[in-house]
Amino acid sequence: MIASMTGFARREIGGPFGTLVCEIRSVNHRFLDASVRLPDSCRALEQELRAALARDLRRGKVDCTLQQRAAATEAAHLEIDPQALAQVLSRIKELSAALIPERSQVDLIELLRFPGVLREQSPDAEALLQAVRALFAETLAELVRARAREGERLAALIQARCTALQGMVAAVRVRLAEVHARIRARFQERLKELGAQVDQDRIEQEILMMLQRFDVAEELDRLDGHLVETARTLAADEPAGRRLDFLMQEFNREANTLSSKSQDLETTRTAVEMKVAIEQMREQVQNIE
């Protein structure tokens, strides 16, 4: 199945840990280049998530971002550690005895900010990691589906161009006999204009050599072969971007040769139309995984 390298997916869930938001976006790239940004509470999962990306995606520049937003009721779970507070107050009392009384007043807010005095209930770390795994799997699956949908659209566009190209190849093939007859007639007319007396066998040899030099049947056969291979590649269940990119180069090579050999205005125009269609396909292929 053809898959695009362009896609976007977003999922979010809530729980005792707050709200988790996962976004994954991907664009074109020659290889798989994954960037994963996680909050400190989930940093242990980075390698695991990278491995999951590599299993489901083959190419593309992928940016994955996970955000953790604190729960609105988180302040209700704050507690004061009585032992830590007692130790701090004891030290303050000792310091107060050595200070001028008016300078020994204690700001309660500053007291609560002292490390260890205010204790925050943290959610279950393992439950958080499990939630991140599930959220990431859902987001990645959505991205894969999005890339597959875009891939179907690209495959349809390429197939439409291939159908048009097939018609062009058939049209040029039909004109071959007419083009050959025109070359032969032109050669004979030129001989008559010159009034030259030439052996007929020698004339036939020259005409045959000329026809071989301008013959494009081989190029047309190759174009037909590339069309068959493109259809097979589009139907295969494997990443096809690199193979299709190579085929586009081969298409372009044959179209250029066809244009350079052409001795017929209509064939030359058709070759130009071929190159336009091939370039349109090449642009679409750049998006395929």
C-alpha atoms as a PDB file:
ATOM      1  CA  MET A   1       0.000   0.000   0.000  1.00  0.00           C
ATOM      2  CA  ILE A   2       1.266   3.461  -0.925  1.00  0.00           C
ATOM      3  CA  ALA A   3       1.760   5.755   2.075  1.00  0.00           C
ATOM      4  CA  SER A   4       2.577   9.439   2.114  1.00  0.00           C
ATOM      5  CA  MET A   5       5.379  10.880   4.237  1.00  0.00           C
ATOM      6  CA  THR A   6       3.146  13.822   5.146  1.00  0.00           C
ATOM      7  CA  GLY A   7       0.713  13.523   8.041  1.00  0.00           C
ATOM      8  CA  PHE A   8      -0.469  14.872  11.382  1.00  0.00           C
ATOM      9  CA  ALA A   9      -2.102  13.271  14.404  1.00  0.00           C
ATOM     10  CA  ARG A  10      -3.131  14.545  17.854  1.00  0.00           C
ATOM     11  CA  ARG A  11      -4.586  12.785  20.889  1.00  0.00           C
ATOM     12  CA  GLU A  12      -5.092  13.735  24.516  1.00  0.00           C
ATOM     13  CA  ILE A  13      -6.266  11.989  27.674  1.00  0.00           C
ATOM     14  CA  GLY A  14      -6.812  13.008  31.278  1.00  0.00           C
ATOM     15  CA  GLY A  15      -6.239  11.298  34.626  1.00  0.00           C
ATOM     16  CA  PRO A  16      -4.784  11.722  38.112  1.00  0.00           C
ATOM     17  CA  PHE A  17      -1.550  12.831  36.439  1.00  0.00           C
ATOM     18  CA  GLY A  18      -3.338  15.715  34.722  1.00  0.00           C
ATOM     19  CA  THR A  19      -3.782  15.999  30.946  1.00  0.00           C
ATOM     20  CA  LEU A  20      -1.475  14.332  28.440  1.00  0.00           C
ATOM     21  CA  VAL A  21      -1.374  15.744  24.900  1.00  0.00           C
ATOM     22  CA  CYS A  22       0.527  13.927  22.152  1.00  0.00           C
ATOM     23  CA  GLU A  23       1.141  15.369  18.676  1.00  0.00           C
ATOM     24  CA  ILE A  24       3.025  13.691  15.833  1.00  0.00           C
ATOM     25  CA  ARG A  25       3.663  15.356  12.497  1.00  0.00           C
ATOM     26  CA  SER A  26       5.746  14.180   9.561  1.00  0.00           C
ATOM     27  CA  VAL A  27       7.021  15.686   6.305  1.00  0.00           C
ATOM     28  CA  ASN A  28       9.239  14.552   3.434  1.00  0.00           C
ATOM     29  CA  HIS A  29      12.750  13.319   4.087  1.00  0.00           C
ATOM     30  CA  ARG A  30      15.141  10.915   2.398  1.00  0.00           C
ATOM     31  CA  PHE A  31      15.382   8.756   5.509  1.00  0.00           C
ATOM     32  CA  LEU A  32      13.594   8.409   8.854  1.00  0.00           C
ATOM     33  CA  ASP A  33      14.583  11.351  11.044  1.00  0.00           C
ATOM     34  CA  ALA A  34      12.600  11.215  14.296  1.00  0.00           C
ATOM     35  CA  SER A  35      12.558  13.863  17.017  1.00  0.00           C
ATOM     36  CA  VAL A  36      10.854  13.016  20.339  1.00  0.00           C
ATOM     37  CA  ARG A  37      10.233  15.657  23.011  1.00  0.00           C
ATOM     38  CA  LEU A  38       8.951  14.433  26.379  1.00  0.00           C
ATOM     39  CA  PRO A  39       8.403  15.961  29.832  1.00  0.00           C
ATOM     40  CA  ASP A  40      10.920  14.958  32.495  1.00  0.00           C
ATOM     41  CA  SER A  41       8.373  12.629  34.106  1.00  0.00           C
ATOM     42  CA  CYS A  42       8.296  10.481  30.938  1.00  0.00           C
ATOM     43  CA  ARG A  43      11.915  10.751  29.811  1.00  0.00           C
ATOM     44  CA  ALA A  44      12.512   7.053  30.483  1.00  0.00           C
ATOM     45  CA  LEU A  45      10.242   6.149  27.556  1.00  0.00           C
ATOM     46  CA  GLU A  46      12.177   8.026  24.870  1.00  0.00           C
ATOM     47  CA  GLN A  47      14.038   5.058  23.389  1.00  0.00           C
ATOM     48  CA  GLU A  48      10.922   2.886  23.514  1.00  0.00           C
ATOM     49  CA  LEU A  49       8.878   5.477  21.634  1.00  0.00           C
ATOM     50  CA  ARG A  50      11.638   5.985  19.062  1.00  0.00           C
ATOM     51  CA  ALA A  51      11.669   2.235  18.428  1.00  0.00           C
ATOM     52  CA  ALA A  52       7.883   2.278  17.928  1.00  0.00           C
ATOM     53  CA  LEU A  53       8.240   5.054  15.343  1.00  0.00           C
ATOM     54  CA  ALA A  54      10.904   3.068  13.487  1.00  0.00           C
ATOM     55  CA  ARG A  55       8.656  -0.014  13.389  1.00  0.00           C
ATOM     56  CA  ASP A  56       5.694   1.761  11.783  1.00  0.00           C
ATOM     57  CA  LEU A  57       7.415   4.424   9.666  1.00  0.00           C
ATOM     58  CA  ARG A  58      10.162   3.979   7.090  1.00  0.00           C
ATOM     59  CA  ARG A  59      10.875   7.496   5.847  1.00  0.00           C
ATOM     60  CA  GLY A  60      10.073  11.082   6.745  1.00  0.00           C
ATOM     61  CA  LYS A  61      11.088  13.798   9.163  1.00  0.00           C
ATOM     62  CA  VAL A  62       8.927  13.038  12.203  1.00  0.00           C
ATOM     63  CA  ASP A  63       8.372  15.387  15.147  1.00  0.00           C
ATOM     64  CA  CYS A  64       6.690  13.909  18.221  1.00  0.00           C
ATOM     65  CA  THR A  65       5.767  16.139  21.163  1.00  0.00           C
ATOM     66  CA  LEU A  66       4.201  15.026  24.445  1.00  0.00           C
ATOM     67  CA  GLN A  67       2.964  17.588  26.950  1.00  0.00           C
ATOM     68  CA  GLN A  68       1.759  17.025  30.510  1.00  0.00           C
ATOM     69  CA  ARG A  69      -0.556  19.619  32.003  1.00  0.00           C
ATOM     70  CA  ALA A  70      -1.142  19.679  35.741  1.00  0.00           C
ATOM     71  CA  ALA A  71      -4.584  18.760  37.030  1.00  0.00           C
ATOM     72  CA  ALA A  72      -6.749  21.675  38.170  1.00  0.00           C
ATOM     73  CA  THR A  73      -7.182  20.082  41.629  1.00  0.00           C
ATOM     74  CA  GLU A  74      -3.479  19.498  42.122  1.00  0.00           C
ATOM     75  CA  ALA A  75      -3.252  22.245  44.809  1.00  0.00           C
ATOM     76  CA  ALA A  76      -5.670  20.275  47.025  1.00  0.00           C
ATOM     77  CA  HIS A  77      -3.100  17.487  47.346  1.00  0.00           C
ATOM     78  CA  LEU A  78      -0.364  19.680  48.836  1.00  0.00           C
ATOM     79  CA  GLU A  79       0.666  18.696  52.362  1.00  0.00           C
ATOM     80  CA  ILE A  80       3.027  20.118  54.962  1.00  0.00           C
ATOM     81  CA  ASP A  81       5.747  17.845  56.252  1.00  0.00           C
ATOM     82  CA  PRO A  82       5.577  18.413  60.038  1.00  0.00           C
ATOM     83  CA  GLN A  83       9.079  17.057  60.686  1.00  0.00           C
ATOM     84  CA  ALA A  84      10.681  19.270  58.057  1.00  0.00           C
ATOM     85  CA  LEU A  85       8.710  22.267  59.325  1.00  0.00           C
ATOM     86  CA  ALA A  86       9.781  21.587  62.923  1.00  0.00           C
ATOM     87  CA  GLN A  87      13.423  21.438  61.913  1.00  0.00           C
ATOM     88  CA  VAL A  88      13.166  24.715  60.031  1.00  0.00           C
ATOM     89  CA  LEU A  89      11.396  26.432  62.963  1.00  0.00           C
ATOM     90  CA  SER A  90      14.036  25.141  65.360  1.00  0.00           C
ATOM     91  CA  ARG A  91      16.782  26.634  63.277  1.00  0.00           C
ATOM     92  CA  ILE A  92      14.862  29.900  62.977  1.00  0.00           C
ATOM     93  CA  LYS A  93      14.500  30.050  66.779  1.00  0.00           C
ATOM     94  CA  GLU A  94      18.247  29.602  67.167  1.00  0.00           C
ATOM     95  CA  LEU A  95      18.931  32.348  64.647  1.00  0.00           C
ATOM     96  CA  SER A  96      16.354  34.643  66.218  1.00  0.00           C
ATOM     97  CA  ALA A  97      18.204  34.578  69.533  1.00  0.00           C
ATOM     98  CA  ALA A  98      21.242  36.110  67.825  1.00  0.00           C
ATOM     99  CA  LEU A  99      19.324  38.734  65.841  1.00  0.00           C
ATOM    100  CA  ILE A 100      17.638  41.994  66.714  1.00  0.00           C
ATOM    101  CA  PRO A 101      13.962  41.148  67.518  1.00  0.00           C
ATOM    102  CA  GLU A 102      12.430  43.380  64.818  1.00  0.00           C
ATOM    103  CA  ARG A 103      14.549  41.613  62.196  1.00  0.00           C
ATOM    104  CA  SER A 104      13.645  38.100  63.282  1.00  0.00           C
ATOM    105  CA  GLN A 105      10.101  38.047  61.935  1.00  0.00           C
ATOM    106  CA  VAL A 106       9.349  35.069  59.686  1.00  0.00           C
ATOM    107  CA  ASP A 107       7.343  35.306  56.455  1.00  0.00           C
ATOM    108  CA  LEU A 108       5.051  32.259  56.366  1.00  0.00           C
ATOM    109  CA  ILE A 109       5.000  32.152  52.592  1.00  0.00           C
ATOM    110  CA  GLU A 110       8.799  32.101  52.480  1.00  0.00           C
ATOM    111  CA  LEU A 111       8.742  29.406  55.150  1.00  0.00           C
ATOM    112  CA  LEU A 112       6.529  27.187  52.979  1.00  0.00           C
ATOM    113  CA  ARG A 113       8.899  27.665  50.057  1.00  0.00           C
ATOM    114  CA  PHE A 114      11.749  26.153  51.983  1.00  0.00           C
ATOM    115  CA  PRO A 115      12.732  22.824  50.325  1.00  0.00           C
ATOM    116  CA  GLY A 116      10.979  19.859  51.892  1.00  0.00           C
ATOM    117  CA  VAL A 117       8.425  21.779  53.973  1.00  0.00           C
ATOM    118  CA  LEU A 118       5.626  21.637  51.401  1.00  0.00           C
ATOM    119  CA  ARG A 119       5.032  18.101  50.224  1.00  0.00           C
ATOM    120  CA  GLU A 120       3.245  17.376  46.964  1.00  0.00           C
ATOM    121  CA  GLN A 121       1.483  14.098  46.354  1.00  0.00           C
ATOM    122  CA  SER A 122       2.811  12.718  43.067  1.00  0.00           C
ATOM    123  CA  PRO A 123       0.738  10.362  40.888  1.00  0.00           C
ATOM    124  CA  ASP A 124       1.695   6.754  40.414  1.00  0.00           C
ATOM    125  CA  ALA A 125       4.732   6.840  38.116  1.00  0.00           C
ATOM    126  CA  GLU A 126       3.999   3.466  36.504  1.00  0.00           C
ATOM    127  CA  ALA A 127       0.386   4.445  35.812  1.00  0.00           C
ATOM    128  CA  LEU A 128       1.657   7.605  34.127  1.00  0.00           C
ATOM    129  CA  LEU A 129       4.047   5.658  31.900  1.00  0.00           C
ATOM    130  CA  GLN A 130       1.333   3.202  30.920  1.00  0.00           C
ATOM    131  CA  ALA A 131      -0.953   6.094  30.011  1.00  0.00           C
ATOM    132  CA  VAL A 132       1.808   7.645  27.893  1.00  0.00           C
ATOM    133  CA  ARG A 133       2.365   4.354  26.071  1.00  0.00           C
ATOM    134  CA  ALA A 134      -1.334   3.984  25.289  1.00  0.00           C
ATOM    135  CA  LEU A 135      -1.681   7.609  24.176  1.00  0.00           C
ATOM    136  CA  PHE A 136       1.404   7.416  21.975  1.00  0.00           C
ATOM    137  CA  ALA A 137       0.195   4.168  20.348  1.00  0.00           C
ATOM    138  CA  GLU A 138      -3.182   5.739  19.520  1.00  0.00           C
ATOM    139  CA  THR A 139      -1.543   8.872  18.096  1.00  0.00           C
ATOM    140  CA  LEU A 140       0.930   6.886  16.015  1.00  0.00           C
ATOM    141  CA  ALA A 141      -1.873   4.686  14.660  1.00  0.00           C
ATOM    142  CA  GLU A 142      -3.799   7.818  13.671  1.00  0.00           C
ATOM    143  CA  LEU A 143      -0.725   9.190  11.912  1.00  0.00           C
ATOM    144  CA  VAL A 144      -0.258   5.934   9.992  1.00  0.00           C
ATOM    145  CA  ARG A 145      -3.895   6.051   8.887  1.00  0.00           C
ATOM    146  CA  ALA A 146      -3.549   9.682   7.814  1.00  0.00           C
ATOM    147  CA  ARG A 147      -0.422   8.878   5.791  1.00  0.00           C
ATOM    148  CA  ALA A 148      -2.215   5.904   4.210  1.00  0.00           C
ATOM    149  CA  ARG A 149      -5.175   8.063   3.178  1.00  0.00           C
ATOM    150  CA  GLU A 150      -2.858  10.620   1.635  1.00  0.00           C
ATOM    151  CA  GLY A 151      -0.958   7.771  -0.038  1.00  0.00           C
ATOM    152  CA  GLU A 152      -4.150   6.521  -1.683  1.00  0.00           C
ATOM    153  CA  ARG A 153      -4.746   9.972  -3.118  1.00  0.00           C
ATOM    154  CA  LEU A 154      -1.180  10.175  -4.429  1.00  0.00           C
ATOM    155  CA  ALA A 155      -1.420   6.697  -5.941  1.00  0.00           C
ATOM    156  CA  ALA A 156      -4.617   7.702  -7.759  1.00  0.00           C
ATOM    157  CA  LEU A 157      -2.956  10.822  -9.157  1.00  0.00           C
ATOM    158  CA  ILE A 158       0.071   8.847 -10.342  1.00  0.00           C
ATOM    159  CA  GLN A 159      -2.123   6.156 -11.881  1.00  0.00           C
ATOM    160  CA  ALA A 160      -4.080   8.820 -13.767  1.00  0.00           C
ATOM    161  CA  ARG A 161      -0.827  10.240 -15.171  1.00  0.00           C
ATOM    162  CA  CYS A 162       0.314   6.737 -16.121  1.00  0.00           C
ATOM    163  CA  THR A 163      -2.945   6.164 -18.005  1.00  0.00           C
ATOM    164  CA  ALA A 164      -2.423   9.423 -19.902  1.00  0.00           C
ATOM    165  CA  LEU A 165       1.187   8.471 -20.603  1.00  0.00           C
ATOM    166  CA  GLN A 166       0.085   5.080 -21.881  1.00  0.00           C
ATOM    167  CA  GLY A 167      -2.214   6.825 -24.343  1.00  0.00           C
ATOM    168  CA  MET A 168       0.642   9.040 -25.537  1.00  0.00           C
ATOM    169  CA  VAL A 169       2.900   6.038 -26.093  1.00  0.00           C
ATOM    170  CA  ALA A 170       0.159   4.327 -28.113  1.00  0.00           C
ATOM    171  CA  ALA A 171      -0.361   7.476 -30.206  1.00  0.00           C
ATOM    172  CA  VAL A 172       3.344   7.735 -31.046  1.00  0.00           C
ATOM    173  CA  ARG A 173       3.476   4.033 -31.909  1.00  0.00           C
ATOM    174  CA  VAL A 174       0.580   4.457 -34.350  1.00  0.00           C
ATOM    175  CA  ARG A 175       2.450   7.287 -36.092  1.00  0.00           C
ATOM    176  CA  LEU A 176       5.653   5.271 -36.536  1.00  0.00           C
ATOM    177  CA  ALA A 177       4.664   3.775 -39.877  1.00  0.00           C
ATOM    178  CA  GLU A 178       3.577   7.181 -41.194  1.00  0.00           C
ATOM    179  CA  VAL A 179       6.787   8.829 -39.966  1.00  0.00           C
ATOM    180  CA  HIS A 180       8.924   6.135 -41.616  1.00  0.00           C
ATOM    181  CA  ALA A 181       7.051   6.525 -44.893  1.00  0.00           C
ATOM    182  CA  ARG A 182       7.531  10.301 -44.742  1.00  0.00           C
ATOM    183  CA  ILE A 183      11.289   9.938 -44.148  1.00  0.00           C
ATOM    184  CA  ARG A 184      11.554   7.562 -47.111  1.00  0.00           C
ATOM    185  CA  ALA A 185       9.577   9.881 -49.375  1.00  0.00           C
ATOM    186  CA  ARG A 186      11.635  12.906 -48.321  1.00  0.00           C
ATOM    187  CA  PHE A 187      14.861  11.040 -49.103  1.00  0.00           C
ATOM    188  CA  GLN A 188      13.593  10.038 -52.533  1.00  0.00           C
ATOM    189  CA  GLU A 189      12.492  13.588 -53.308  1.00  0.00           C
ATOM    190  CA  ARG A 190      15.898  14.904 -52.328  1.00  0.00           C
ATOM    191  CA  LEU A 191      17.587  12.486 -54.698  1.00  0.00           C
ATOM    192  CA  LYS A 192      15.331  13.595 -57.539  1.00  0.00           C
ATOM    193  CA  GLU A 193      16.112  17.238 -56.838  1.00  0.00           C
ATOM    194  CA  LEU A 194      19.821  16.494 -57.041  1.00  0.00           C
ATOM    195  CA  GLY A 195      19.356  14.432 -60.190  1.00  0.00           C
ATOM    196  CA  ALA A 196      21.778  11.868 -58.856  1.00  0.00           C
ATOM    197  CA  GLN A 197      22.022   8.407 -60.329  1.00  0.00           C
ATOM    198  CA  VAL A 198      22.468   6.026 -57.419  1.00  0.00           C
ATOM    199  CA  ASP A 199      22.200   2.288 -57.191  1.00  0.00           C
ATOM    200  CA  GLN A 200      18.781   1.315 -55.785  1.00  0.00           C
ATOM    201  CA  ASP A 201      20.278  -1.150 -53.322  1.00  0.00           C
ATOM    202  CA  ARG A 202      22.538   1.588 -52.033  1.00  0.00           C
ATOM    203  CA  ILE A 203      19.506   3.861 -51.652  1.00  0.00           C
ATOM    204  CA  GLU A 204      17.684   1.215 -49.625  1.00  0.00           C
ATOM    205  CA  GLN A 205      20.698   0.770 -47.362  1.00  0.00           C
ATOM    206  CA  GLU A 206      20.891   4.505 -46.706  1.00  0.00           C
ATOM    207  CA  ILE A 207      17.171   4.712 -46.032  1.00  0.00           C
ATOM    208  CA  LEU A 208      17.380   1.759 -43.654  1.00  0.00           C
ATOM    209  CA  MET A 209      20.273   3.310 -41.750  1.00  0.00           C
ATOM    210  CA  MET A 210      18.387   6.585 -41.509  1.00  0.00           C
ATOM    211  CA  LEU A 211      15.256   4.854 -40.227  1.00  0.00           C
ATOM    212  CA  GLN A 212      17.281   2.998 -37.619  1.00  0.00           C
ATOM    213  CA  ARG A 213      18.846   6.245 -36.461  1.00  0.00           C
ATOM    214  CA  PHE A 214      15.450   7.905 -36.028  1.00  0.00           C
ATOM    215  CA  ASP A 215      13.559   4.821 -34.872  1.00  0.00           C
ATOM    216  CA  VAL A 216      11.934   5.228 -31.422  1.00  0.00           C
ATOM    217  CA  ALA A 217      10.316   1.800 -31.110  1.00  0.00           C
ATOM    218  CA  GLU A 218      12.859   0.759 -28.473  1.00  0.00           C
ATOM    219  CA  GLU A 219      12.109   3.850 -26.381  1.00  0.00           C
ATOM    220  CA  LEU A 220       8.377   3.174 -26.635  1.00  0.00           C
ATOM    221  CA  ASP A 221       8.895  -0.439 -25.522  1.00  0.00           C
ATOM    222  CA  ARG A 222      10.875   0.769 -22.520  1.00  0.00           C
ATOM    223  CA  LEU A 223       8.191   3.281 -21.618  1.00  0.00           C
ATOM    224  CA  ASP A 224       5.614   0.494 -21.737  1.00  0.00           C
ATOM    225  CA  GLY A 225       7.823  -1.595 -19.461  1.00  0.00           C
ATOM    226  CA  HIS A 226       8.197   1.275 -16.985  1.00  0.00           C
ATOM    227  CA  LEU A 227       4.419   1.725 -16.942  1.00  0.00           C
ATOM    228  CA  VAL A 228       3.947  -1.942 -16.081  1.00  0.00           C
ATOM    229  CA  GLU A 229       6.572  -1.729 -13.321  1.00  0.00           C
ATOM    230  CA  THR A 230       4.981   1.431 -11.921  1.00  0.00           C
ATOM    231  CA  ALA A 231       1.581  -0.275 -11.706  1.00  0.00           C
ATOM    232  CA  ARG A 232       3.166  -3.260  -9.961  1.00  0.00           C
ATOM    233  CA  THR A 233       4.977  -1.014  -7.502  1.00  0.00           C
ATOM    234  CA  LEU A 234       1.821   0.942  -6.674  1.00  0.00           C
ATOM    235  CA  ALA A 235       0.029  -2.332  -5.873  1.00  0.00           C
ATOM    236  CA  ALA A 236       2.829  -3.788  -3.696  1.00  0.00           C
ATOM    237  CA  ASP A 237       2.573  -3.934   0.112  1.00  0.00           C
ATOM    238  CA  GLU A 238       5.925  -2.289   0.807  1.00  0.00           C
ATOM    239  CA  PRO A 239       7.437   1.208   0.860  1.00  0.00           C
ATOM    240  CA  ALA A 240       7.607   2.293  -2.769  1.00  0.00           C
ATOM    241  CA  GLY A 241       9.013   5.833  -2.742  1.00  0.00           C
ATOM    242  CA  ARG A 242      12.594   5.000  -3.703  1.00  0.00           C
ATOM    243  CA  ARG A 243      11.613   2.590  -6.472  1.00  0.00           C
ATOM    244  CA  LEU A 244       9.095   5.043  -7.906  1.00  0.00           C
ATOM    245  CA  ASP A 245      11.685   7.819  -7.802  1.00  0.00           C
ATOM    246  CA  PHE A 246      14.046   5.631  -9.851  1.00  0.00           C
ATOM    247  CA  LEU A 247      11.265   4.844 -12.326  1.00  0.00           C
ATOM    248  CA  MET A 248      10.558   8.550 -12.790  1.00  0.00           C
ATOM    249  CA  GLN A 249      14.201   9.059 -13.753  1.00  0.00           C
ATOM    250  CA  GLU A 250      13.924   6.259 -16.299  1.00  0.00           C
ATOM    251  CA  PHE A 251      10.669   7.677 -17.679  1.00  0.00           C
ATOM    252  CA  ASN A 252      12.333  11.032 -18.147  1.00  0.00           C
ATOM    253  CA  ARG A 253      15.369   9.481 -19.826  1.00  0.00           C
ATOM    254  CA  GLU A 254      13.232   7.702 -22.442  1.00  0.00           C
ATOM    255  CA  ALA A 255      11.080  10.776 -23.073  1.00  0.00           C
ATOM    256  CA  ASN A 256      14.199  12.885 -23.670  1.00  0.00           C
ATOM    257  CA  THR A 257      15.583  10.306 -26.099  1.00  0.00           C
ATOM    258  CA  LEU A 258      12.231  10.140 -27.880  1.00  0.00           C
ATOM    259  CA  SER A 259      12.233  13.917 -28.276  1.00  0.00           C
ATOM    260  CA  SER A 260      15.817  14.057 -29.565  1.00  0.00           C
ATOM    261  CA  LYS A 261      15.226  11.297 -32.159  1.00  0.00           C
ATOM    262  CA  SER A 262      11.902  12.635 -33.359  1.00  0.00           C
ATOM    263  CA  GLN A 263      11.655  13.792 -36.994  1.00  0.00           C
ATOM    264  CA  ASP A 264       7.937  14.471 -36.670  1.00  0.00           C
ATOM    265  CA  LEU A 265       6.394  17.632 -35.195  1.00  0.00           C
ATOM    266  CA  GLU A 266       3.446  15.773 -33.678  1.00  0.00           C
ATOM    267  CA  THR A 267       5.738  13.212 -32.054  1.00  0.00           C
ATOM    268  CA  THR A 268       7.864  16.016 -30.631  1.00  0.00           C
ATOM    269  CA  ARG A 269       4.782  17.650 -29.132  1.00  0.00           C
ATOM    270  CA  THR A 270       3.736  14.347 -27.636  1.00  0.00           C
ATOM    271  CA  ALA A 271       7.211  13.896 -26.129  1.00  0.00           C
ATOM    272  CA  VAL A 272       6.892  17.317 -24.486  1.00  0.00           C
ATOM    273  CA  GLU A 273       3.505  16.328 -23.041  1.00  0.00           C
ATOM    274  CA  MET A 274       5.102  13.123 -21.775  1.00  0.00           C
ATOM    275  CA  LYS A 275       7.769  15.082 -19.931  1.00  0.00           C
ATOM    276  CA  VAL A 276       5.119  17.314 -18.361  1.00  0.00           C
ATOM    277  CA  ALA A 277       3.196  14.267 -17.106  1.00  0.00           C
ATOM    278  CA  ILE A 278       6.397  12.637 -15.860  1.00  0.00           C
ATOM    279  CA  GLU A 279       7.373  15.792 -13.954  1.00  0.00           C
ATOM    280  CA  GLN A 280       3.925  15.892 -12.344  1.00  0.00           C
ATOM    281  CA  MET A 281       4.360  12.277 -11.259  1.00  0.00           C
ATOM    282  CA  ARG A 282       7.853  12.975  -9.960  1.00  0.00           C
ATOM    283  CA  GLU A 283       6.543  15.782  -7.747  1.00  0.00           C
ATOM    284  CA  GLN A 284       3.947  13.438  -6.256  1.00  0.00           C
ATOM    285  CA  VAL A 285       6.496  10.643  -5.788  1.00  0.00           C
ATOM    286  CA  GLN A 286       8.588  12.961  -3.582  1.00  0.00           C
ATOM    287  CA  ASN A 287       5.805  12.682  -0.979  1.00  0.00           C
ATOM    288  CA  ILE A 288       5.657   8.882  -0.974  1.00  0.00           C
ATOM    289  CA  GLU A 289       7.273   6.827   1.787  1.00  0.00           C
END
